Amino acid sequence: MEINAIPEAFQTKLRLAVLSALLTGEKNFRELKNITEATDGNLGAQLKKLEEAGYITVSKAFVNRKPQTSCVLTAFGRQQFKEYVEMLERLLGQAEE
């Protein structure tokens, strides 16, 4: 069954929430924290894992002298998300047969 082939990026609620939020465009750390209701440490750790896997790009800049971290979904991340959704649709189709 395909369920064993789910990429690691989609195996936790927090990573899935981050990737889903980034589908609509770039988000900063505070926006992602509000959307996911994650702690700073947990969100930071998951962002690092997603960046290392090539799903997102993280950039840091100073805005009004305050550090700001922004995240954007990469083309690879978007394609992986699309394939993940297609796999879920196939699984649902199999379940309905």
PDB file of N, CA and C in Angstrom:
ATOM      1  N   MET A   1       0.835  -1.196   0.000  1.00  0.00           N
ATOM      2  CA  MET A   1       0.000   0.000   0.000  1.00  0.00           C
ATOM      3  C   MET A   1       0.876   1.255   0.000  1.00  0.00           C
ATOM      4  N   GLU A   2       0.433   2.274  -0.663  1.00  0.00           N
ATOM      5  CA  GLU A   2       1.196   3.505  -0.819  1.00  0.00           C
ATOM      6  C   GLU A   2       1.428   4.260   0.487  1.00  0.00           C
ATOM      7  N   ILE A   3       0.644   3.981   1.491  1.00  0.00           N
ATOM      8  CA  ILE A   3       0.742   4.748   2.735  1.00  0.00           C
ATOM      9  C   ILE A   3       2.148   4.682   3.329  1.00  0.00           C
ATOM     10  N   ASN A   4       2.859   3.606   3.037  1.00  0.00           N
ATOM     11  CA  ASN A   4       4.231   3.458   3.529  1.00  0.00           C
ATOM     12  C   ASN A   4       5.205   4.367   2.793  1.00  0.00           C
ATOM     13  N   ALA A   5       4.771   4.950   1.690  1.00  0.00           N
ATOM     14  CA  ALA A   5       5.636   5.798   0.881  1.00  0.00           C
ATOM     15  C   ALA A   5       5.448   7.284   1.189  1.00  0.00           C
ATOM     16  N   ILE A   6       4.732   7.624   2.246  1.00  0.00           N
ATOM     17  CA  ILE A   6       4.512   9.036   2.586  1.00  0.00           C
ATOM     18  C   ILE A   6       5.852   9.654   2.974  1.00  0.00           C
ATOM     19  N   PRO A   7       6.246  10.744   2.297  1.00  0.00           N
ATOM     20  CA  PRO A   7       7.509  11.401   2.642  1.00  0.00           C
ATOM     21  C   PRO A   7       7.498  11.891   4.090  1.00  0.00           C
ATOM     22  N   GLU A   8       8.665  11.916   4.684  1.00  0.00           N
ATOM     23  CA  GLU A   8       8.796  12.320   6.093  1.00  0.00           C
ATOM     24  C   GLU A   8       8.224  13.712   6.342  1.00  0.00           C
ATOM     25  N   ALA A   9       8.321  14.594   5.357  1.00  0.00           N
ATOM     26  CA  ALA A   9       7.830  15.965   5.521  1.00  0.00           C
ATOM     27  C   ALA A   9       6.341  16.022   5.821  1.00  0.00           C
ATOM     28  N   PHE A  10       5.592  14.983   5.443  1.00  0.00           N
ATOM     29  CA  PHE A  10       4.138  14.983   5.627  1.00  0.00           C
ATOM     30  C   PHE A  10       3.699  14.086   6.779  1.00  0.00           C
ATOM     31  N   GLN A  11       4.656  13.604   7.572  1.00  0.00           N
ATOM     32  CA  GLN A  11       4.326  12.651   8.623  1.00  0.00           C
ATOM     33  C   GLN A  11       4.045  13.266   9.985  1.00  0.00           C
ATOM     34  N   THR A  12       4.170  14.580  10.092  1.00  0.00           N
ATOM     35  CA  THR A  12       3.797  15.214  11.360  1.00  0.00           C
ATOM     36  C   THR A  12       2.788  16.322  11.082  1.00  0.00           C
ATOM     37  N   LYS A  13       1.921  16.536  12.038  1.00  0.00           N
ATOM     38  CA  LYS A  13       0.876  17.555  11.905  1.00  0.00           C
ATOM     39  C   LYS A  13       1.488  18.936  11.692  1.00  0.00           C
ATOM     40  N   LEU A  14       2.551  19.255  12.423  1.00  0.00           N
ATOM     41  CA  LEU A  14       3.150  20.587  12.340  1.00  0.00           C
ATOM     42  C   LEU A  14       3.781  20.823  10.972  1.00  0.00           C
ATOM     43  N   ARG A  15       4.554  19.867  10.468  1.00  0.00           N
ATOM     44  CA  ARG A  15       5.172  20.050   9.151  1.00  0.00           C
ATOM     45  C   ARG A  15       4.105  20.170   8.069  1.00  0.00           C
ATOM     46  N   LEU A  16       3.076  19.361   8.164  1.00  0.00           N
ATOM     47  CA  LEU A  16       1.985  19.424   7.182  1.00  0.00           C
ATOM     48  C   LEU A  16       1.280  20.782   7.253  1.00  0.00           C
ATOM     49  N   ALA A  17       1.086  21.300   8.460  1.00  0.00           N
ATOM     50  CA  ALA A  17       0.451  22.614   8.630  1.00  0.00           C
ATOM     51  C   ALA A  17       1.315  23.726   8.035  1.00  0.00           C
ATOM     52  N   VAL A  18       2.626  23.650   8.245  1.00  0.00           N
ATOM     53  CA  VAL A  18       3.539  24.658   7.695  1.00  0.00           C
ATOM     54  C   VAL A  18       3.489  24.622   6.171  1.00  0.00           C
ATOM     55  N   LEU A  19       3.613  23.441   5.597  1.00  0.00           N
ATOM     56  CA  LEU A  19       3.596  23.319   4.138  1.00  0.00           C
ATOM     57  C   LEU A  19       2.264  23.793   3.563  1.00  0.00           C
ATOM     58  N   SER A  20       1.175  23.457   4.235  1.00  0.00           N
ATOM     59  CA  SER A  20      -0.148  23.899   3.780  1.00  0.00           C
ATOM     60  C   SER A  20      -0.259  25.423   3.816  1.00  0.00           C
ATOM     61  N   ALA A  21       0.243  26.020   4.879  1.00  0.00           N
ATOM     62  CA  ALA A  21       0.182  27.476   5.014  1.00  0.00           C
ATOM     63  C   ALA A  21       1.000  28.168   3.926  1.00  0.00           C
ATOM     64  N   LEU A  22       2.120  27.572   3.551  1.00  0.00           N
ATOM     65  CA  LEU A  22       2.995  28.191   2.560  1.00  0.00           C
ATOM     66  C   LEU A  22       2.497  28.022   1.126  1.00  0.00           C
ATOM     67  N   LEU A  23       1.500  27.184   0.931  1.00  0.00           N
ATOM     68  CA  LEU A  23       0.928  27.024  -0.412  1.00  0.00           C
ATOM     69  C   LEU A  23       0.385  28.349  -0.949  1.00  0.00           C
ATOM     70  N   THR A  24      -0.095  29.199  -0.058  1.00  0.00           N
ATOM     71  CA  THR A  24      -0.696  30.465  -0.483  1.00  0.00           C
ATOM     72  C   THR A  24       0.320  31.597  -0.567  1.00  0.00           C
ATOM     73  N   GLY A  25       1.576  31.302  -0.268  1.00  0.00           N
ATOM     74  CA  GLY A  25       2.611  32.327  -0.389  1.00  0.00           C
ATOM     75  C   GLY A  25       3.505  32.412   0.833  1.00  0.00           C
ATOM     76  N   GLU A  26       4.463  33.311   0.739  1.00  0.00           N
ATOM     77  CA  GLU A  26       5.453  33.508   1.787  1.00  0.00           C
ATOM     78  C   GLU A  26       4.809  33.904   3.108  1.00  0.00           C
ATOM     79  N   LYS A  27       5.360  33.368   4.191  1.00  0.00           N
ATOM     80  CA  LYS A  27       4.888  33.695   5.540  1.00  0.00           C
ATOM     81  C   LYS A  27       6.112  33.952   6.417  1.00  0.00           C
ATOM     82  N   ASN A  28       5.955  34.851   7.383  1.00  0.00           N
ATOM     83  CA  ASN A  28       7.048  35.040   8.335  1.00  0.00           C
ATOM     84  C   ASN A  28       6.842  34.106   9.529  1.00  0.00           C
ATOM     85  N   PHE A  29       7.856  34.066  10.386  1.00  0.00           N
ATOM     86  CA  PHE A  29       7.842  33.140  11.522  1.00  0.00           C
ATOM     87  C   PHE A  29       6.622  33.371  12.409  1.00  0.00           C
ATOM     88  N   ARG A  30       6.321  34.626  12.678  1.00  0.00           N
ATOM     89  CA  ARG A  30       5.187  34.937  13.559  1.00  0.00           C
ATOM     90  C   ARG A  30       3.871  34.450  12.945  1.00  0.00           C
ATOM     91  N   GLU A  31       3.698  34.660  11.641  1.00  0.00           N
ATOM     92  CA  GLU A  31       2.480  34.191  10.971  1.00  0.00           C
ATOM     93  C   GLU A  31       2.364  32.670  11.069  1.00  0.00           C
ATOM     94  N   LEU A  32       3.476  31.970  10.823  1.00  0.00           N
ATOM     95  CA  LEU A  32       3.445  30.506  10.914  1.00  0.00           C
ATOM     96  C   LEU A  32       3.178  30.052  12.348  1.00  0.00           C
ATOM     97  N   LYS A  33       3.730  30.769  13.305  1.00  0.00           N
ATOM     98  CA  LYS A  33       3.496  30.424  14.709  1.00  0.00           C
ATOM     99  C   LYS A  33       2.013  30.582  15.057  1.00  0.00           C
ATOM    100  N   ASN A  34       1.396  31.659  14.579  1.00  0.00           N
ATOM    101  CA  ASN A  34      -0.027  31.884  14.834  1.00  0.00           C
ATOM    102  C   ASN A  34      -0.895  30.828  14.148  1.00  0.00           C
ATOM    103  N   ILE A  35      -0.555  30.491  12.917  1.00  0.00           N
ATOM    104  CA  ILE A  35      -1.331  29.502  12.162  1.00  0.00           C
ATOM    105  C   ILE A  35      -1.237  28.118  12.805  1.00  0.00           C
ATOM    106  N   THR A  36      -0.015  27.731  13.193  1.00  0.00           N
ATOM    107  CA  THR A  36       0.208  26.369  13.687  1.00  0.00           C
ATOM    108  C   THR A  36       0.029  26.229  15.194  1.00  0.00           C
ATOM    109  N   GLU A  37       0.078  27.363  15.910  1.00  0.00           N
ATOM    110  CA  GLU A  37       0.017  27.361  17.381  1.00  0.00           C
ATOM    111  C   GLU A  37       1.152  26.551  17.993  1.00  0.00           C
ATOM    112  N   ALA A  38       2.289  26.530  17.304  1.00  0.00           N
ATOM    113  CA  ALA A  38       3.461  25.797  17.788  1.00  0.00           C
ATOM    114  C   ALA A  38       4.316  26.692  18.676  1.00  0.00           C
ATOM    115  N   THR A  39       5.172  26.069  19.471  1.00  0.00           N
ATOM    116  CA  THR A  39       6.132  26.834  20.267  1.00  0.00           C
ATOM    117  C   THR A  39       7.251  27.300  19.340  1.00  0.00           C
ATOM    118  N   ASP A  40       7.976  28.336  19.765  1.00  0.00           N
ATOM    119  CA  ASP A  40       9.090  28.837  18.960  1.00  0.00           C
ATOM    120  C   ASP A  40      10.090  27.722  18.653  1.00  0.00           C
ATOM    121  N   GLY A  41      10.459  26.976  19.682  1.00  0.00           N
ATOM    122  CA  GLY A  41      11.469  25.926  19.514  1.00  0.00           C
ATOM    123  C   GLY A  41      11.033  24.826  18.574  1.00  0.00           C
ATOM    124  N   ASN A  42       9.812  24.363  18.733  1.00  0.00           N
ATOM    125  CA  ASN A  42       9.317  23.287  17.887  1.00  0.00           C
ATOM    126  C   ASN A  42       9.170  23.760  16.441  1.00  0.00           C
ATOM    127  N   LEU A  43       8.612  24.952  16.247  1.00  0.00           N
ATOM    128  CA  LEU A  43       8.453  25.477  14.899  1.00  0.00           C
ATOM    129  C   LEU A  43       9.815  25.670  14.242  1.00  0.00           C
ATOM    130  N   GLY A  44      10.749  26.239  14.979  1.00  0.00           N
ATOM    131  CA  GLY A  44      12.095  26.443  14.435  1.00  0.00           C
ATOM    132  C   GLY A  44      12.752  25.145  14.009  1.00  0.00           C
ATOM    133  N   ALA A  45      12.606  24.106  14.837  1.00  0.00           N
ATOM    134  CA  ALA A  45      13.193  22.800  14.511  1.00  0.00           C
ATOM    135  C   ALA A  45      12.559  22.206  13.255  1.00  0.00           C
ATOM    136  N   GLN A  46      11.247  22.323  13.132  1.00  0.00           N
ATOM    137  CA  GLN A  46      10.563  21.760  11.964  1.00  0.00           C
ATOM    138  C   GLN A  46      10.883  22.545  10.692  1.00  0.00           C
ATOM    139  N   LEU A  47      11.011  23.864  10.807  1.00  0.00           N
ATOM    140  CA  LEU A  47      11.398  24.673   9.652  1.00  0.00           C
ATOM    141  C   LEU A  47      12.786  24.272   9.165  1.00  0.00           C
ATOM    142  N   LYS A  48      13.682  24.020  10.103  1.00  0.00           N
ATOM    143  CA  LYS A  48      15.040  23.595   9.740  1.00  0.00           C
ATOM    144  C   LYS A  48      15.005  22.270   8.988  1.00  0.00           C
ATOM    145  N   LYS A  49      14.207  21.314   9.461  1.00  0.00           N
ATOM    146  CA  LYS A  49      14.103  20.014   8.797  1.00  0.00           C
ATOM    147  C   LYS A  49      13.527  20.163   7.391  1.00  0.00           C
ATOM    148  N   LEU A  50      12.497  21.003   7.253  1.00  0.00           N
ATOM    149  CA  LEU A  50      11.890  21.212   5.934  1.00  0.00           C
ATOM    150  C   LEU A  50      12.861  21.912   4.985  1.00  0.00           C
ATOM    151  N   GLU A  51      13.642  22.832   5.519  1.00  0.00           N
ATOM    152  CA  GLU A  51      14.630  23.522   4.689  1.00  0.00           C
ATOM    153  C   GLU A  51      15.727  22.557   4.254  1.00  0.00           C
ATOM    154  N   GLU A  52      16.219  21.743   5.182  1.00  0.00           N
ATOM    155  CA  GLU A  52      17.269  20.781   4.850  1.00  0.00           C
ATOM    156  C   GLU A  52      16.803  19.769   3.805  1.00  0.00           C
ATOM    157  N   ALA A  53      15.508  19.447   3.822  1.00  0.00           N
ATOM    158  CA  ALA A  53      14.952  18.483   2.862  1.00  0.00           C
ATOM    159  C   ALA A  53      14.617  19.146   1.519  1.00  0.00           C
ATOM    160  N   GLY A  54      14.751  20.477   1.444  1.00  0.00           N
ATOM    161  CA  GLY A  54      14.516  21.178   0.184  1.00  0.00           C
ATOM    162  C   GLY A  54      13.077  21.586  -0.073  1.00  0.00           C
ATOM    163  N   TYR A  55      12.211  21.461   0.932  1.00  0.00           N
ATOM    164  CA  TYR A  55      10.796  21.799   0.761  1.00  0.00           C
ATOM    165  C   TYR A  55      10.538  23.299   0.861  1.00  0.00           C
ATOM    166  N   ILE A  56      11.336  23.988   1.675  1.00  0.00           N
ATOM    167  CA  ILE A  56      11.136  25.426   1.871  1.00  0.00           C
ATOM    168  C   ILE A  56      12.479  26.146   1.810  1.00  0.00           C
ATOM    169  N   THR A  57      12.409  27.446   1.579  1.00  0.00           N
ATOM    170  CA  THR A  57      13.574  28.317   1.674  1.00  0.00           C
ATOM    171  C   THR A  57      13.306  29.274   2.829  1.00  0.00           C
ATOM    172  N   VAL A  58      14.276  29.386   3.715  1.00  0.00           N
ATOM    173  CA  VAL A  58      14.157  30.273   4.871  1.00  0.00           C
ATOM    174  C   VAL A  58      15.123  31.433   4.673  1.00  0.00           C
ATOM    175  N   SER A  59      14.622  32.651   4.833  1.00  0.00           N
ATOM    176  CA  SER A  59      15.495  33.825   4.732  1.00  0.00           C
ATOM    177  C   SER A  59      15.334  34.669   5.989  1.00  0.00           C
ATOM    178  N   LYS A  60      16.445  35.287   6.369  1.00  0.00           N
ATOM    179  CA  LYS A  60      16.443  36.132   7.564  1.00  0.00           C
ATOM    180  C   LYS A  60      16.858  37.539   7.163  1.00  0.00           C
ATOM    181  N   ALA A  61      16.149  38.507   7.699  1.00  0.00           N
ATOM    182  CA  ALA A  61      16.442  39.907   7.398  1.00  0.00           C
ATOM    183  C   ALA A  61      16.074  40.749   8.612  1.00  0.00           C
ATOM    184  N   PHE A  62      16.520  41.986   8.602  1.00  0.00           N
ATOM    185  CA  PHE A  62      16.137  42.916   9.657  1.00  0.00           C
ATOM    186  C   PHE A  62      15.091  43.866   9.102  1.00  0.00           C
ATOM    187  N   VAL A  63      13.956  43.964   9.802  1.00  0.00           N
ATOM    188  CA  VAL A  63      12.892  44.880   9.429  1.00  0.00           C
ATOM    189  C   VAL A  63      12.698  45.826  10.608  1.00  0.00           C
ATOM    190  N   ASN A  64      12.922  47.101  10.378  1.00  0.00           N
ATOM    191  CA  ASN A  64      12.876  48.091  11.457  1.00  0.00           C
ATOM    192  C   ASN A  64      13.752  47.676  12.633  1.00  0.00           C
ATOM    193  N   ARG A  65      14.950  47.222  12.317  1.00  0.00           N
ATOM    194  CA  ARG A  65      15.961  46.795  13.305  1.00  0.00           C
ATOM    195  C   ARG A  65      15.594  45.544  14.083  1.00  0.00           C
ATOM    196  N   LYS A  66      14.557  44.855  13.648  1.00  0.00           N
ATOM    197  CA  LYS A  66      14.172  43.609  14.319  1.00  0.00           C
ATOM    198  C   LYS A  66      14.394  42.449  13.354  1.00  0.00           C
ATOM    199  N   PRO A  67      14.944  41.346  13.853  1.00  0.00           N
ATOM    200  CA  PRO A  67      15.161  40.201  12.963  1.00  0.00           C
ATOM    201  C   PRO A  67      13.823  39.593  12.536  1.00  0.00           C
ATOM    202  N   GLN A  68      13.742  39.230  11.280  1.00  0.00           N
ATOM    203  CA  GLN A  68      12.521  38.602  10.773  1.00  0.00           C
ATOM    204  C   GLN A  68      12.900  37.406   9.907  1.00  0.00           C
ATOM    205  N   THR A  69      12.280  36.287  10.182  1.00  0.00           N
ATOM    206  CA  THR A  69      12.491  35.071   9.412  1.00  0.00           C
ATOM    207  C   THR A  69      11.286  34.852   8.516  1.00  0.00           C
ATOM    208  N   SER A  70      11.547  34.655   7.232  1.00  0.00           N
ATOM    209  CA  SER A  70      10.470  34.404   6.273  1.00  0.00           C
ATOM    210  C   SER A  70      10.694  33.062   5.604  1.00  0.00           C
ATOM    211  N   CYS A  71       9.601  32.402   5.264  1.00  0.00           N
ATOM    212  CA  CYS A  71       9.670  31.086   4.642  1.00  0.00           C
ATOM    213  C   CYS A  71       8.823  31.068   3.377  1.00  0.00           C
ATOM    214  N   VAL A  72       9.307  30.354   2.385  1.00  0.00           N
ATOM    215  CA  VAL A  72       8.570  30.205   1.135  1.00  0.00           C
ATOM    216  C   VAL A  72       8.714  28.762   0.668  1.00  0.00           C
ATOM    217  N   LEU A  73       7.671  28.247   0.072  1.00  0.00           N
ATOM    218  CA  LEU A  73       7.669  26.890  -0.466  1.00  0.00           C
ATOM    219  C   LEU A  73       8.513  26.862  -1.732  1.00  0.00           C
ATOM    220  N   THR A  74       9.382  25.880  -1.877  1.00  0.00           N
ATOM    221  CA  THR A  74      10.182  25.741  -3.094  1.00  0.00           C
ATOM    222  C   THR A  74       9.360  25.035  -4.164  1.00  0.00           C
ATOM    223  N   ALA A  75       9.845  25.061  -5.397  1.00  0.00           N
ATOM    224  CA  ALA A  75       9.176  24.334  -6.481  1.00  0.00           C
ATOM    225  C   ALA A  75       9.129  22.839  -6.139  1.00  0.00           C
ATOM    226  N   PHE A  76      10.213  22.322  -5.565  1.00  0.00           N
ATOM    227  CA  PHE A  76      10.256  20.925  -5.140  1.00  0.00           C
ATOM    228  C   PHE A  76       9.193  20.657  -4.071  1.00  0.00           C
ATOM    229  N   GLY A  77       9.087  21.566  -3.095  1.00  0.00           N
ATOM    230  CA  GLY A  77       8.103  21.406  -2.030  1.00  0.00           C
ATOM    231  C   GLY A  77       6.684  21.408  -2.562  1.00  0.00           C
ATOM    232  N   ARG A  78       6.414  22.300  -3.507  1.00  0.00           N
ATOM    233  CA  ARG A  78       5.073  22.376  -4.117  1.00  0.00           C
ATOM    234  C   ARG A  78       4.762  21.086  -4.881  1.00  0.00           C
ATOM    235  N   GLN A  79       5.745  20.577  -5.629  1.00  0.00           N
ATOM    236  CA  GLN A  79       5.547  19.341  -6.389  1.00  0.00           C
ATOM    237  C   GLN A  79       5.318  18.152  -5.444  1.00  0.00           C
ATOM    238  N   GLN A  80       6.083  18.085  -4.366  1.00  0.00           N
ATOM    239  CA  GLN A  80       5.922  17.005  -3.396  1.00  0.00           C
ATOM    240  C   GLN A  80       4.548  17.067  -2.735  1.00  0.00           C
ATOM    241  N   PHE A  81       4.083  18.274  -2.436  1.00  0.00           N
ATOM    242  CA  PHE A  81       2.760  18.440  -1.832  1.00  0.00           C
ATOM    243  C   PHE A  81       1.683  17.951  -2.798  1.00  0.00           C
ATOM    244  N   LYS A  82       1.829  18.311  -4.070  1.00  0.00           N
ATOM    245  CA  LYS A  82       0.877  17.885  -5.101  1.00  0.00           C
ATOM    246  C   LYS A  82       0.838  16.358  -5.190  1.00  0.00           C
ATOM    247  N   GLU A  83       2.016  15.734  -5.200  1.00  0.00           N
ATOM    248  CA  GLU A  83       2.080  14.267  -5.272  1.00  0.00           C
ATOM    249  C   GLU A  83       1.483  13.623  -4.023  1.00  0.00           C
ATOM    250  N   TYR A  84       1.671  14.246  -2.870  1.00  0.00           N
ATOM    251  CA  TYR A  84       1.102  13.741  -1.622  1.00  0.00           C
ATOM    252  C   TYR A  84      -0.430  13.761  -1.694  1.00  0.00           C
ATOM    253  N   VAL A  85      -0.992  14.880  -2.173  1.00  0.00           N
ATOM    254  CA  VAL A  85      -2.453  14.998  -2.305  1.00  0.00           C
ATOM    255  C   VAL A  85      -2.979  13.962  -3.317  1.00  0.00           C
ATOM    256  N   GLU A  86      -2.268  13.789  -4.424  1.00  0.00           N
ATOM    257  CA  GLU A  86      -2.686  12.799  -5.427  1.00  0.00           C
ATOM    258  C   GLU A  86      -2.674  11.386  -4.845  1.00  0.00           C
ATOM    259  N   MET A  87      -1.674  11.093  -4.007  1.00  0.00           N
ATOM    260  CA  MET A  87      -1.612   9.779  -3.365  1.00  0.00           C
ATOM    261  C   MET A  87      -2.806   9.591  -2.425  1.00  0.00           C
ATOM    262  N   LEU A  88      -3.160  10.644  -1.669  1.00  0.00           N
ATOM    263  CA  LEU A  88      -4.321  10.552  -0.780  1.00  0.00           C
ATOM    264  C   LEU A  88      -5.599  10.324  -1.586  1.00  0.00           C
ATOM    265  N   GLU A  89      -5.708  10.997  -2.719  1.00  0.00           N
ATOM    266  CA  GLU A  89      -6.887  10.816  -3.572  1.00  0.00           C
ATOM    267  C   GLU A  89      -6.975   9.381  -4.089  1.00  0.00           C
ATOM    268  N   ARG A  90      -5.824   8.802  -4.462  1.00  0.00           N
ATOM    269  CA  ARG A  90      -5.815   7.393  -4.919  1.00  0.00           C
ATOM    270  C   ARG A  90      -6.240   6.468  -3.782  1.00  0.00           C
ATOM    271  N   LEU A  91      -5.735   6.732  -2.574  1.00  0.00           N
ATOM    272  CA  LEU A  91      -6.103   5.899  -1.429  1.00  0.00           C
ATOM    273  C   LEU A  91      -7.604   5.991  -1.148  1.00  0.00           C
ATOM    274  N   LEU A  92      -8.146   7.195  -1.255  1.00  0.00           N
ATOM    275  CA  LEU A  92      -9.597   7.367  -1.060  1.00  0.00           C
ATOM    276  C   LEU A  92     -10.364   6.623  -2.137  1.00  0.00           C
ATOM    277  N   GLY A  93      -9.874   6.681  -3.352  1.00  0.00           N
ATOM    278  CA  GLY A  93     -10.524   5.969  -4.456  1.00  0.00           C
ATOM    279  C   GLY A  93     -10.527   4.470  -4.227  1.00  0.00           C
ATOM    280  N   GLN A  94      -9.420   3.947  -3.720  1.00  0.00           N
ATOM    281  CA  GLN A  94      -9.331   2.517  -3.427  1.00  0.00           C
ATOM    282  C   GLN A  94     -10.283   2.136  -2.311  1.00  0.00           C
ATOM    283  N   ALA A  95     -10.420   3.019  -1.334  1.00  0.00           N
ATOM    284  CA  ALA A  95     -11.288   2.737  -0.185  1.00  0.00           C
ATOM    285  C   ALA A  95     -12.754   2.712  -0.595  1.00  0.00           C
ATOM    286  N   GLU A  96     -13.095   3.478  -1.652  1.00  0.00           N
ATOM    287  CA  GLU A  96     -14.484   3.565  -2.081  1.00  0.00           C
ATOM    288  C   GLU A  96     -14.899   2.417  -3.001  1.00  0.00           C
ATOM    289  N   GLU A  97     -13.905   1.680  -3.490  1.00  0.00           N
ATOM    290  CA  GLU A  97     -14.204   0.578  -4.424  1.00  0.00           C
ATOM    291  C   GLU A  97     -14.817  -0.623  -3.726  1.00  0.00           C
TER     292      GLU A  97
END
